[in-house]
Amino acid sequence: MGVVTVLAGLALSPGTLSPGSALAKPGSPPGPPAGLTREQLIERINRASGQLEGVIERYNQLRSDLQTTVAQINVLKRQIGPLERQVADRQAKVGVIASAAYTTAGSTSFAVLLHADSTRDVLDQLMVIQLLADDQRREITSLTRLRQEYMAAQETLRTLITQGRVQQKDLATSRAKIESDLATLQRWRTHAFGPSGSPPHANARVGWVKPEVTGIPARILNFALGQLGKAYRWAGSGPDGFDCSGLVLAAYKRVGKELPHNSARQYDVVRKIKRDQLEPGDLIFFYRDLHHVGIYIGGDRMVHAPTPGEKVRIDFFDDLPVRGYGHVT
């Protein structure tokens, strides 16, 4: 059976921009849903952007699950080969022992008492037969165990391959849906905000003083701040663009710490802290479903990749609904 290959992109379960929203067909003229004022369109854009970011984070989670499945398949395939050879070797050995035991029993069991020169010869012959029987039982037991391990590994491999194919199909479906939704969202943004596709945004960097930190926090901040102005890129972890968890992943990878590419799973692995314990470089998580994350940089601010259509920037983190805070150990 072939090993499932990981898609070059990322993905998860299909998402919708908003209830009842229809995706424009390829080649259709750009424009918003009919009958909306500019203010209503902006509200729709904001809602759609948040929903789509959640879909993207779930996509990242599914891609991670597929990568785990593929890794498990590869491990099993490496184990099954040697296990199969062990089963074959053990079968051959059991066959030899069985043949020897049969030959020995056939030639001695009935004649040993008649032709033995002494009592000692009788005992020696009987001992050989018993040893062969014991050895045979041990080998058969070992063969049975190995065959069970081999069959279980084969069944697990089949299950994993089936699971991987389903995950890969879900990824492809989700990827197509996300890209279609992004295209629609960008048309809405262009209509609402002009060619830039982005509204004017208050610069939260004004009045902020970079904290004096050293070591790991300094390296994390320097990296994250160095990405300011780069585009939000769904499922991106650099170098040209990032989604929210991708920016966090890339920043911590610079200091040798591996994090999942999913904000909810990042929350699972951090040490939970309180707001008054925040230090530069710590993480802030948002929304009930934890679909957004940012890096704390001091002064009630964070650097983050906001939503599709935006760029990496500094914001006051209280502008979003905070779910929790975390320190990466």
C-alpha atoms as a PDB file:
ATOM      1  CA  MET A   1       0.000   0.000   0.000  1.00  0.00           C
ATOM      2  CA  GLY A   2       1.300   3.422  -0.812  1.00  0.00           C
ATOM      3  CA  VAL A   3       1.873   6.026   1.855  1.00  0.00           C
ATOM      4  CA  VAL A   4      -0.473   9.022   1.737  1.00  0.00           C
ATOM      5  CA  THR A   5       1.322  12.171   0.649  1.00  0.00           C
ATOM      6  CA  VAL A   6       0.829  15.453   2.468  1.00  0.00           C
ATOM      7  CA  LEU A   7      -0.684  18.190   0.344  1.00  0.00           C
ATOM      8  CA  ALA A   8       1.497  21.159  -0.396  1.00  0.00           C
ATOM      9  CA  GLY A   9      -1.237  23.444   0.989  1.00  0.00           C
ATOM     10  CA  LEU A  10      -3.141  23.421   4.279  1.00  0.00           C
ATOM     11  CA  ALA A  11      -6.808  22.751   5.067  1.00  0.00           C
ATOM     12  CA  LEU A  12      -9.855  21.695   7.087  1.00  0.00           C
ATOM     13  CA  SER A  13     -13.600  21.407   7.125  1.00  0.00           C
ATOM     14  CA  PRO A  14     -15.373  23.734   4.720  1.00  0.00           C
ATOM     15  CA  GLY A  15     -16.441  27.098   6.131  1.00  0.00           C
ATOM     16  CA  THR A  16     -18.881  29.740   5.071  1.00  0.00           C
ATOM     17  CA  LEU A  17     -18.412  33.476   4.915  1.00  0.00           C
ATOM     18  CA  SER A  18     -21.797  34.214   6.377  1.00  0.00           C
ATOM     19  CA  PRO A  19     -25.229  32.594   6.427  1.00  0.00           C
ATOM     20  CA  GLY A  20     -26.763  32.638   2.989  1.00  0.00           C
ATOM     21  CA  SER A  21     -23.777  34.277   1.302  1.00  0.00           C
ATOM     22  CA  ALA A  22     -23.261  33.110  -2.258  1.00  0.00           C
ATOM     23  CA  LEU A  23     -19.839  32.804  -3.810  1.00  0.00           C
ATOM     24  CA  ALA A  24     -19.322  34.665  -7.045  1.00  0.00           C
ATOM     25  CA  LYS A  25     -18.615  32.497 -10.058  1.00  0.00           C
ATOM     26  CA  PRO A  26     -15.193  32.779 -11.689  1.00  0.00           C
ATOM     27  CA  GLY A  27     -15.131  35.667 -14.118  1.00  0.00           C
ATOM     28  CA  SER A  28     -18.106  37.456 -12.608  1.00  0.00           C
ATOM     29  CA  PRO A  29     -17.715  41.218 -12.112  1.00  0.00           C
ATOM     30  CA  PRO A  30     -16.487  42.260  -8.674  1.00  0.00           C
ATOM     31  CA  GLY A  31     -19.070  43.643  -6.326  1.00  0.00           C
ATOM     32  CA  PRO A  32     -20.787  43.187  -2.980  1.00  0.00           C
ATOM     33  CA  PRO A  33     -24.081  41.447  -2.277  1.00  0.00           C
ATOM     34  CA  ALA A  34     -26.872  43.574  -3.731  1.00  0.00           C
ATOM     35  CA  GLY A  35     -28.771  46.033  -1.589  1.00  0.00           C
ATOM     36  CA  LEU A  36     -26.135  46.679   1.091  1.00  0.00           C
ATOM     37  CA  THR A  37     -24.998  50.119   2.159  1.00  0.00           C
ATOM     38  CA  ARG A  38     -21.269  50.696   2.591  1.00  0.00           C
ATOM     39  CA  GLU A  39     -21.636  50.452   6.363  1.00  0.00           C
ATOM     40  CA  GLN A  40     -23.531  47.165   6.048  1.00  0.00           C
ATOM     41  CA  LEU A  41     -20.915  45.863   3.650  1.00  0.00           C
ATOM     42  CA  ILE A  42     -18.111  46.733   6.067  1.00  0.00           C
ATOM     43  CA  GLU A  43     -19.979  44.958   8.841  1.00  0.00           C
ATOM     44  CA  ARG A  44     -20.389  41.945   6.565  1.00  0.00           C
ATOM     45  CA  ILE A  45     -16.675  42.052   5.711  1.00  0.00           C
ATOM     46  CA  ASN A  46     -15.663  42.141   9.371  1.00  0.00           C
ATOM     47  CA  ARG A  47     -17.931  39.253  10.233  1.00  0.00           C
ATOM     48  CA  ALA A  48     -16.824  37.226   7.220  1.00  0.00           C
ATOM     49  CA  SER A  49     -13.148  37.860   7.958  1.00  0.00           C
ATOM     50  CA  GLY A  50     -13.489  36.551  11.491  1.00  0.00           C
ATOM     51  CA  GLN A  51     -15.429  33.493  10.379  1.00  0.00           C
ATOM     52  CA  LEU A  52     -12.920  32.732   7.660  1.00  0.00           C
ATOM     53  CA  GLU A  53     -10.008  33.060  10.068  1.00  0.00           C
ATOM     54  CA  GLY A  54     -11.658  30.429  12.247  1.00  0.00           C
ATOM     55  CA  VAL A  55     -12.004  28.134   9.228  1.00  0.00           C
ATOM     56  CA  ILE A  56      -8.354  28.660   8.384  1.00  0.00           C
ATOM     57  CA  GLU A  57      -7.250  27.756  11.916  1.00  0.00           C
ATOM     58  CA  ARG A  58      -9.313  24.569  11.770  1.00  0.00           C
ATOM     59  CA  TYR A  59      -7.744  23.891   8.377  1.00  0.00           C
ATOM     60  CA  ASN A  60      -4.317  24.160   9.991  1.00  0.00           C
ATOM     61  CA  GLN A  61      -5.444  21.653  12.600  1.00  0.00           C
ATOM     62  CA  LEU A  62      -6.571  19.130   9.994  1.00  0.00           C
ATOM     63  CA  ARG A  63      -3.324  19.494   8.085  1.00  0.00           C
ATOM     64  CA  SER A  64      -1.448  18.789  11.293  1.00  0.00           C
ATOM     65  CA  ASP A  65      -3.615  15.711  11.865  1.00  0.00           C
ATOM     66  CA  LEU A  66      -2.826  14.456   8.361  1.00  0.00           C
ATOM     67  CA  GLN A  67       0.893  14.984   8.903  1.00  0.00           C
ATOM     68  CA  THR A  68       0.634  12.963  12.124  1.00  0.00           C
ATOM     69  CA  THR A  69      -1.201  10.184  10.280  1.00  0.00           C
ATOM     70  CA  VAL A  70       1.457  10.083   7.562  1.00  0.00           C
ATOM     71  CA  ALA A  71       4.215   9.937  10.186  1.00  0.00           C
ATOM     72  CA  GLN A  72       2.448   7.022  11.900  1.00  0.00           C
ATOM     73  CA  ILE A  73       2.088   5.226   8.562  1.00  0.00           C
ATOM     74  CA  ASN A  74       5.802   5.614   7.854  1.00  0.00           C
ATOM     75  CA  VAL A  75       6.733   4.297  11.309  1.00  0.00           C
ATOM     76  CA  LEU A  76       4.473   1.269  10.875  1.00  0.00           C
ATOM     77  CA  LYS A  77       5.817   0.530   7.404  1.00  0.00           C
ATOM     78  CA  ARG A  78       9.349   0.532   8.822  1.00  0.00           C
ATOM     79  CA  GLN A  79       8.257  -1.865  11.575  1.00  0.00           C
ATOM     80  CA  ILE A  80       6.258  -4.268   9.447  1.00  0.00           C
ATOM     81  CA  GLY A  81       9.155  -5.325   7.192  1.00  0.00           C
ATOM     82  CA  PRO A  82      11.385  -6.666   9.993  1.00  0.00           C
ATOM     83  CA  LEU A  83       8.338  -8.141  11.760  1.00  0.00           C
ATOM     84  CA  GLU A  84       7.371 -10.021   8.607  1.00  0.00           C
ATOM     85  CA  ARG A  85      10.906 -11.424   8.344  1.00  0.00           C
ATOM     86  CA  GLN A  86      10.798 -12.490  12.000  1.00  0.00           C
ATOM     87  CA  VAL A  87       7.545 -14.357  11.383  1.00  0.00           C
ATOM     88  CA  ALA A  88       9.043 -16.143   8.361  1.00  0.00           C
ATOM     89  CA  ASP A  89      12.211 -17.069  10.264  1.00  0.00           C
ATOM     90  CA  ARG A  90      10.215 -18.332  13.236  1.00  0.00           C
ATOM     91  CA  GLN A  91       7.950 -20.405  10.977  1.00  0.00           C
ATOM     92  CA  ALA A  92      10.997 -22.027   9.391  1.00  0.00           C
ATOM     93  CA  LYS A  93      12.506 -22.806  12.790  1.00  0.00           C
ATOM     94  CA  VAL A  94       9.263 -24.292  14.086  1.00  0.00           C
ATOM     95  CA  GLY A  95       9.140 -26.462  10.968  1.00  0.00           C
ATOM     96  CA  VAL A  96      12.656 -27.783  11.575  1.00  0.00           C
ATOM     97  CA  ILE A  97      11.947 -28.467  15.240  1.00  0.00           C
ATOM     98  CA  ALA A  98       8.673 -30.182  14.437  1.00  0.00           C
ATOM     99  CA  SER A  99      10.425 -32.408  11.899  1.00  0.00           C
ATOM    100  CA  ALA A 100      13.187 -33.260  14.372  1.00  0.00           C
ATOM    101  CA  ALA A 101      10.701 -33.991  17.117  1.00  0.00           C
ATOM    102  CA  TYR A 102       8.680 -36.249  14.841  1.00  0.00           C
ATOM    103  CA  THR A 103      11.784 -38.111  13.647  1.00  0.00           C
ATOM    104  CA  THR A 104      13.117 -38.534  17.173  1.00  0.00           C
ATOM    105  CA  ALA A 105       9.792 -39.650  18.576  1.00  0.00           C
ATOM    106  CA  GLY A 106       9.205 -41.997  15.672  1.00  0.00           C
ATOM    107  CA  SER A 107      12.577 -43.704  15.996  1.00  0.00           C
ATOM    108  CA  THR A 108      12.783 -43.937  19.750  1.00  0.00           C
ATOM    109  CA  SER A 109       9.484 -43.725  21.540  1.00  0.00           C
ATOM    110  CA  PHE A 110       8.547 -47.351  20.932  1.00  0.00           C
ATOM    111  CA  ALA A 111      12.015 -48.863  20.654  1.00  0.00           C
ATOM    112  CA  VAL A 112      13.912 -46.952  23.325  1.00  0.00           C
ATOM    113  CA  LEU A 113      13.045 -49.383  26.123  1.00  0.00           C
ATOM    114  CA  LEU A 114      13.697 -52.421  23.949  1.00  0.00           C
ATOM    115  CA  HIS A 115      17.079 -51.371  22.557  1.00  0.00           C
ATOM    116  CA  ALA A 116      18.591 -49.205  25.269  1.00  0.00           C
ATOM    117  CA  ASP A 117      21.788 -50.618  26.780  1.00  0.00           C
ATOM    118  CA  SER A 118      21.094 -49.135  30.157  1.00  0.00           C
ATOM    119  CA  THR A 119      18.683 -47.177  32.248  1.00  0.00           C
ATOM    120  CA  ARG A 120      20.824 -44.091  31.607  1.00  0.00           C
ATOM    121  CA  ASP A 121      20.357 -44.490  27.835  1.00  0.00           C
ATOM    122  CA  VAL A 122      16.609 -44.602  28.371  1.00  0.00           C
ATOM    123  CA  LEU A 123      16.681 -41.408  30.407  1.00  0.00           C
ATOM    124  CA  ASP A 124      18.917 -39.663  27.850  1.00  0.00           C
ATOM    125  CA  GLN A 125      16.580 -40.526  24.973  1.00  0.00           C
ATOM    126  CA  LEU A 126      13.505 -39.419  26.877  1.00  0.00           C
ATOM    127  CA  MET A 127      15.232 -36.182  27.849  1.00  0.00           C
ATOM    128  CA  VAL A 128      15.967 -35.365  24.172  1.00  0.00           C
ATOM    129  CA  ILE A 129      12.325 -35.900  23.290  1.00  0.00           C
ATOM    130  CA  GLN A 130      11.179 -33.687  26.175  1.00  0.00           C
ATOM    131  CA  LEU A 131      13.675 -30.937  25.306  1.00  0.00           C
ATOM    132  CA  LEU A 132      12.526 -30.960  21.706  1.00  0.00           C
ATOM    133  CA  ALA A 133       8.924 -30.709  22.825  1.00  0.00           C
ATOM    134  CA  ASP A 134       9.668 -27.814  25.196  1.00  0.00           C
ATOM    135  CA  ASP A 135      11.658 -26.007  22.522  1.00  0.00           C
ATOM    136  CA  GLN A 136       8.871 -26.548  20.028  1.00  0.00           C
ATOM    137  CA  ARG A 137       6.258 -25.182  22.440  1.00  0.00           C
ATOM    138  CA  ARG A 138       8.354 -22.074  23.073  1.00  0.00           C
ATOM    139  CA  GLU A 139       8.897 -21.482  19.367  1.00  0.00           C
ATOM    140  CA  ILE A 140       5.217 -21.976  18.568  1.00  0.00           C
ATOM    141  CA  THR A 141       4.254 -19.570  21.338  1.00  0.00           C
ATOM    142  CA  SER A 142       6.745 -17.019  20.013  1.00  0.00           C
ATOM    143  CA  LEU A 143       5.507 -17.537  16.446  1.00  0.00           C
ATOM    144  CA  THR A 144       1.899 -17.052  17.550  1.00  0.00           C
ATOM    145  CA  ARG A 145       2.790 -13.808  19.320  1.00  0.00           C
ATOM    146  CA  LEU A 146       4.745 -12.498  16.345  1.00  0.00           C
ATOM    147  CA  ARG A 147       1.929 -13.367  13.944  1.00  0.00           C
ATOM    148  CA  GLN A 148      -0.552 -11.525  16.163  1.00  0.00           C
ATOM    149  CA  GLU A 149       1.714  -8.471  16.261  1.00  0.00           C
ATOM    150  CA  TYR A 150       2.131  -8.608  12.497  1.00  0.00           C
ATOM    151  CA  MET A 151      -1.608  -8.909  11.819  1.00  0.00           C
ATOM    152  CA  ALA A 152      -2.368  -6.087  14.277  1.00  0.00           C
ATOM    153  CA  ALA A 153       0.229  -3.860  12.607  1.00  0.00           C
ATOM    154  CA  GLN A 154      -1.231  -4.625   9.166  1.00  0.00           C
ATOM    155  CA  GLU A 155      -4.729  -3.773  10.372  1.00  0.00           C
ATOM    156  CA  THR A 156      -3.531  -0.546  11.976  1.00  0.00           C
ATOM    157  CA  LEU A 157      -1.730   0.360   8.763  1.00  0.00           C
ATOM    158  CA  ARG A 158      -4.872  -0.206   6.703  1.00  0.00           C
ATOM    159  CA  THR A 159      -6.884   1.924   9.132  1.00  0.00           C
ATOM    160  CA  LEU A 160      -4.340   4.736   9.050  1.00  0.00           C
ATOM    161  CA  ILE A 161      -4.161   4.740   5.264  1.00  0.00           C
ATOM    162  CA  THR A 162      -7.957   4.956   5.053  1.00  0.00           C
ATOM    163  CA  GLN A 163      -7.945   7.742   7.620  1.00  0.00           C
ATOM    164  CA  GLY A 164      -5.214   9.586   5.753  1.00  0.00           C
ATOM    165  CA  ARG A 165      -7.117   9.407   2.475  1.00  0.00           C
ATOM    166  CA  VAL A 166     -10.217  10.876   4.144  1.00  0.00           C
ATOM    167  CA  GLN A 167      -8.138  13.642   5.732  1.00  0.00           C
ATOM    168  CA  GLN A 168      -6.437  14.384   2.430  1.00  0.00           C
ATOM    169  CA  LYS A 169      -9.797  14.637   0.676  1.00  0.00           C
ATOM    170  CA  ASP A 170     -11.097  16.972   3.396  1.00  0.00           C
ATOM    171  CA  LEU A 171      -7.987  19.116   3.006  1.00  0.00           C
ATOM    172  CA  ALA A 172      -8.458  19.455  -0.733  1.00  0.00           C
ATOM    173  CA  THR A 173     -12.147  20.313  -0.337  1.00  0.00           C
ATOM    174  CA  SER A 174     -11.429  22.823   2.405  1.00  0.00           C
ATOM    175  CA  ARG A 175      -8.596  24.412   0.488  1.00  0.00           C
ATOM    176  CA  ALA A 176     -10.812  25.018  -2.547  1.00  0.00           C
ATOM    177  CA  LYS A 177     -13.583  26.461  -0.356  1.00  0.00           C
ATOM    178  CA  ILE A 178     -11.216  28.773   1.515  1.00  0.00           C
ATOM    179  CA  GLU A 179      -9.648  30.080  -1.681  1.00  0.00           C
ATOM    180  CA  SER A 180     -13.087  30.709  -3.178  1.00  0.00           C
ATOM    181  CA  ASP A 181     -14.250  32.519  -0.030  1.00  0.00           C
ATOM    182  CA  LEU A 182     -11.057  34.579   0.022  1.00  0.00           C
ATOM    183  CA  ALA A 183     -11.619  35.671  -3.561  1.00  0.00           C
ATOM    184  CA  THR A 184     -15.156  36.775  -2.704  1.00  0.00           C
ATOM    185  CA  LEU A 185     -13.986  38.574   0.414  1.00  0.00           C
ATOM    186  CA  GLN A 186     -11.306  40.415  -1.532  1.00  0.00           C
ATOM    187  CA  ARG A 187     -13.899  41.607  -4.047  1.00  0.00           C
ATOM    188  CA  TRP A 188     -15.986  42.949  -1.184  1.00  0.00           C
ATOM    189  CA  ARG A 189     -12.936  44.670   0.305  1.00  0.00           C
ATOM    190  CA  THR A 190     -12.005  46.284  -2.987  1.00  0.00           C
ATOM    191  CA  HIS A 191     -15.526  47.610  -3.383  1.00  0.00           C
ATOM    192  CA  ALA A 192     -15.609  48.960   0.173  1.00  0.00           C
ATOM    193  CA  PHE A 193     -12.064  50.280   0.585  1.00  0.00           C
ATOM    194  CA  GLY A 194     -10.621  50.756  -2.874  1.00  0.00           C
ATOM    195  CA  PRO A 195      -7.615  49.095  -4.526  1.00  0.00           C
ATOM    196  CA  SER A 196      -5.782  48.573  -1.211  1.00  0.00           C
ATOM    197  CA  GLY A 197      -8.609  46.401   0.054  1.00  0.00           C
ATOM    198  CA  SER A 198      -7.978  47.646   3.605  1.00  0.00           C
ATOM    199  CA  PRO A 199      -9.626  50.361   5.693  1.00  0.00           C
ATOM    200  CA  PRO A 200      -7.600  53.124   7.334  1.00  0.00           C
ATOM    201  CA  HIS A 201      -6.260  51.811  10.628  1.00  0.00           C
ATOM    202  CA  ALA A 202      -5.175  53.626  13.770  1.00  0.00           C
ATOM    203  CA  ASN A 203      -1.481  53.078  14.375  1.00  0.00           C
ATOM    204  CA  ALA A 204      -1.235  51.477  17.805  1.00  0.00           C
ATOM    205  CA  ARG A 205       2.527  51.796  17.602  1.00  0.00           C
ATOM    206  CA  VAL A 206       2.159  55.491  18.412  1.00  0.00           C
ATOM    207  CA  GLY A 207       3.058  55.963  22.065  1.00  0.00           C
ATOM    208  CA  TRP A 208       4.420  52.469  22.444  1.00  0.00           C
ATOM    209  CA  VAL A 209       7.946  52.036  23.761  1.00  0.00           C
ATOM    210  CA  LYS A 210       9.688  48.786  23.017  1.00  0.00           C
ATOM    211  CA  PRO A 211      10.397  47.016  26.319  1.00  0.00           C
ATOM    212  CA  GLU A 212      13.987  46.468  27.353  1.00  0.00           C
ATOM    213  CA  VAL A 213      14.258  42.711  27.313  1.00  0.00           C
ATOM    214  CA  THR A 214      17.076  40.293  26.602  1.00  0.00           C
ATOM    215  CA  GLY A 215      17.484  36.636  25.759  1.00  0.00           C
ATOM    216  CA  ILE A 216      14.581  34.647  24.357  1.00  0.00           C
ATOM    217  CA  PRO A 217      11.916  37.382  24.791  1.00  0.00           C
ATOM    218  CA  ALA A 218      14.108  39.843  22.879  1.00  0.00           C
ATOM    219  CA  ARG A 219      14.623  37.401  20.020  1.00  0.00           C
ATOM    220  CA  ILE A 220      10.896  36.672  19.808  1.00  0.00           C
ATOM    221  CA  LEU A 221       9.981  40.365  19.788  1.00  0.00           C
ATOM    222  CA  ASN A 222      12.671  41.254  17.270  1.00  0.00           C
ATOM    223  CA  PHE A 223      11.462  38.575  14.900  1.00  0.00           C
ATOM    224  CA  ALA A 224       7.767  39.368  15.275  1.00  0.00           C
ATOM    225  CA  LEU A 225       8.283  43.120  14.887  1.00  0.00           C
ATOM    226  CA  GLY A 226      10.406  42.443  11.845  1.00  0.00           C
ATOM    227  CA  GLN A 227       7.328  40.998  10.124  1.00  0.00           C
ATOM    228  CA  LEU A 228       5.241  44.181  10.445  1.00  0.00           C
ATOM    229  CA  GLY A 229       3.556  45.076   7.187  1.00  0.00           C
ATOM    230  CA  LYS A 230       3.702  41.561   5.732  1.00  0.00           C
ATOM    231  CA  ALA A 231       0.439  40.211   4.361  1.00  0.00           C
ATOM    232  CA  TYR A 232      -1.901  37.889   6.156  1.00  0.00           C
ATOM    233  CA  ARG A 233      -1.430  34.651   4.261  1.00  0.00           C
ATOM    234  CA  TRP A 234      -3.717  31.806   5.156  1.00  0.00           C
ATOM    235  CA  ALA A 235      -1.862  28.772   6.478  1.00  0.00           C
ATOM    236  CA  GLY A 236       1.335  30.804   6.157  1.00  0.00           C
ATOM    237  CA  SER A 237       4.304  30.628   8.487  1.00  0.00           C
ATOM    238  CA  GLY A 238       6.629  32.901   6.521  1.00  0.00           C
ATOM    239  CA  PRO A 239       8.754  34.227   5.202  1.00  0.00           C
ATOM    240  CA  ASP A 240       6.481  36.355   2.997  1.00  0.00           C
ATOM    241  CA  GLY A 241       3.206  36.076   4.895  1.00  0.00           C
ATOM    242  CA  PHE A 242       1.571  34.632   7.987  1.00  0.00           C
ATOM    243  CA  ASP A 243      -1.699  33.706   9.544  1.00  0.00           C
ATOM    244  CA  CYS A 244      -2.024  34.331  13.283  1.00  0.00           C
ATOM    245  CA  SER A 245      -0.758  30.970  14.555  1.00  0.00           C
ATOM    246  CA  GLY A 246       1.826  30.830  11.768  1.00  0.00           C
ATOM    247  CA  LEU A 247       3.413  34.054  13.031  1.00  0.00           C
ATOM    248  CA  VAL A 248       3.577  32.656  16.569  1.00  0.00           C
ATOM    249  CA  LEU A 249       4.987  29.348  15.291  1.00  0.00           C
ATOM    250  CA  ALA A 250       7.689  31.136  13.266  1.00  0.00           C
ATOM    251  CA  ALA A 251       8.666  33.446  16.138  1.00  0.00           C
ATOM    252  CA  TYR A 252       9.108  30.619  18.612  1.00  0.00           C
ATOM    253  CA  LYS A 253      10.853  28.406  16.098  1.00  0.00           C
ATOM    254  CA  ARG A 254      13.579  31.056  16.020  1.00  0.00           C
ATOM    255  CA  VAL A 255      14.315  30.266  19.664  1.00  0.00           C
ATOM    256  CA  GLY A 256      14.146  26.487  19.267  1.00  0.00           C
ATOM    257  CA  LYS A 257      10.603  25.947  20.512  1.00  0.00           C
ATOM    258  CA  GLU A 258       8.200  23.926  18.349  1.00  0.00           C
ATOM    259  CA  LEU A 259       4.530  24.883  18.515  1.00  0.00           C
ATOM    260  CA  PRO A 260       1.507  23.545  16.605  1.00  0.00           C
ATOM    261  CA  HIS A 261       0.268  25.557  13.629  1.00  0.00           C
ATOM    262  CA  ASN A 262      -3.118  26.137  15.222  1.00  0.00           C
ATOM    263  CA  SER A 263      -4.087  28.721  17.832  1.00  0.00           C
ATOM    264  CA  ALA A 264      -6.317  26.388  19.881  1.00  0.00           C
ATOM    265  CA  ARG A 265      -3.596  23.749  20.056  1.00  0.00           C
ATOM    266  CA  GLN A 266      -1.054  26.391  20.975  1.00  0.00           C
ATOM    267  CA  TYR A 267      -3.325  27.290  23.887  1.00  0.00           C
ATOM    268  CA  ASP A 268      -3.336  23.628  24.909  1.00  0.00           C
ATOM    269  CA  VAL A 269       0.456  23.476  25.257  1.00  0.00           C
ATOM    270  CA  VAL A 270       1.222  26.805  26.989  1.00  0.00           C
ATOM    271  CA  ARG A 271       1.333  27.377  30.729  1.00  0.00           C
ATOM    272  CA  LYS A 272      -1.756  29.395  31.589  1.00  0.00           C
ATOM    273  CA  ILE A 273      -1.042  32.739  33.243  1.00  0.00           C
ATOM    274  CA  LYS A 274      -3.031  35.780  34.385  1.00  0.00           C
ATOM    275  CA  ARG A 275      -3.049  39.163  32.753  1.00  0.00           C
ATOM    276  CA  ASP A 276      -0.851  40.738  35.434  1.00  0.00           C
ATOM    277  CA  GLN A 277       1.751  38.018  34.786  1.00  0.00           C
ATOM    278  CA  LEU A 278       2.170  38.881  31.098  1.00  0.00           C
ATOM    279  CA  GLU A 279       5.731  39.388  29.955  1.00  0.00           C
ATOM    280  CA  PRO A 280       6.922  40.405  26.467  1.00  0.00           C
ATOM    281  CA  GLY A 281       6.848  37.360  24.229  1.00  0.00           C
ATOM    282  CA  ASP A 282       3.912  35.720  26.003  1.00  0.00           C
ATOM    283  CA  LEU A 283       0.819  34.783  24.017  1.00  0.00           C
ATOM    284  CA  ILE A 284      -2.713  36.174  24.120  1.00  0.00           C
ATOM    285  CA  PHE A 285      -5.625  34.085  22.859  1.00  0.00           C
ATOM    286  CA  PHE A 286      -8.985  35.349  21.646  1.00  0.00           C
ATOM    287  CA  TYR A 287     -12.589  34.247  21.090  1.00  0.00           C
ATOM    288  CA  ARG A 288     -14.414  31.352  22.666  1.00  0.00           C
ATOM    289  CA  ASP A 289     -13.160  28.911  20.052  1.00  0.00           C
ATOM    290  CA  LEU A 290      -9.578  30.220  20.375  1.00  0.00           C
ATOM    291  CA  HIS A 291      -9.263  30.955  16.669  1.00  0.00           C
ATOM    292  CA  HIS A 292      -6.891  33.895  17.087  1.00  0.00           C
ATOM    293  CA  VAL A 293      -3.576  34.492  18.862  1.00  0.00           C
ATOM    294  CA  GLY A 294      -1.116  37.375  19.209  1.00  0.00           C
ATOM    295  CA  ILE A 295       2.305  38.017  20.790  1.00  0.00           C
ATOM    296  CA  TYR A 296       2.401  40.411  23.741  1.00  0.00           C
ATOM    297  CA  ILE A 297       4.879  43.266  23.294  1.00  0.00           C
ATOM    298  CA  GLY A 298       4.139  45.397  26.380  1.00  0.00           C
ATOM    299  CA  GLY A 299       1.984  48.471  26.897  1.00  0.00           C
ATOM    300  CA  ASP A 300      -1.309  46.530  26.477  1.00  0.00           C
ATOM    301  CA  ARG A 301      -0.301  45.839  22.878  1.00  0.00           C
ATOM    302  CA  MET A 302       0.393  42.823  20.740  1.00  0.00           C
ATOM    303  CA  VAL A 303       1.798  42.070  17.322  1.00  0.00           C
ATOM    304  CA  HIS A 304      -0.375  39.734  15.267  1.00  0.00           C
ATOM    305  CA  ALA A 305      -1.577  38.737  11.810  1.00  0.00           C
ATOM    306  CA  PRO A 306      -5.173  39.988  12.087  1.00  0.00           C
ATOM    307  CA  THR A 307      -7.478  38.550   9.413  1.00  0.00           C
ATOM    308  CA  PRO A 308      -7.495  37.774   5.680  1.00  0.00           C
ATOM    309  CA  GLY A 309      -6.924  40.976   3.731  1.00  0.00           C
ATOM    310  CA  GLU A 310      -4.971  42.658   6.523  1.00  0.00           C
ATOM    311  CA  LYS A 311      -1.254  42.910   7.306  1.00  0.00           C
ATOM    312  CA  VAL A 312       0.841  42.026  10.339  1.00  0.00           C
ATOM    313  CA  ARG A 313       0.550  44.951  12.733  1.00  0.00           C
ATOM    314  CA  ILE A 314       0.503  46.186  16.308  1.00  0.00           C
ATOM    315  CA  ASP A 315      -2.869  46.485  18.063  1.00  0.00           C
ATOM    316  CA  PHE A 316      -4.245  47.007  21.554  1.00  0.00           C
ATOM    317  CA  PHE A 317      -5.233  43.517  22.556  1.00  0.00           C
ATOM    318  CA  ASP A 318      -8.284  44.694  24.516  1.00  0.00           C
ATOM    319  CA  ASP A 319      -9.872  45.558  21.172  1.00  0.00           C
ATOM    320  CA  LEU A 320     -10.607  41.838  20.779  1.00  0.00           C
ATOM    321  CA  PRO A 321     -12.373  39.418  23.177  1.00  0.00           C
ATOM    322  CA  VAL A 322      -9.564  37.849  25.218  1.00  0.00           C
ATOM    323  CA  ARG A 323      -9.955  34.170  26.115  1.00  0.00           C
ATOM    324  CA  GLY A 324      -6.692  33.616  27.947  1.00  0.00           C
ATOM    325  CA  TYR A 325      -2.960  34.191  28.321  1.00  0.00           C
ATOM    326  CA  GLY A 326      -0.100  31.752  28.036  1.00  0.00           C
ATOM    327  CA  HIS A 327       3.630  31.377  28.583  1.00  0.00           C
ATOM    328  CA  VAL A 328       5.607  28.980  26.388  1.00  0.00           C
ATOM    329  CA  THR A 329       7.858  26.822  28.546  1.00  0.00           C
END
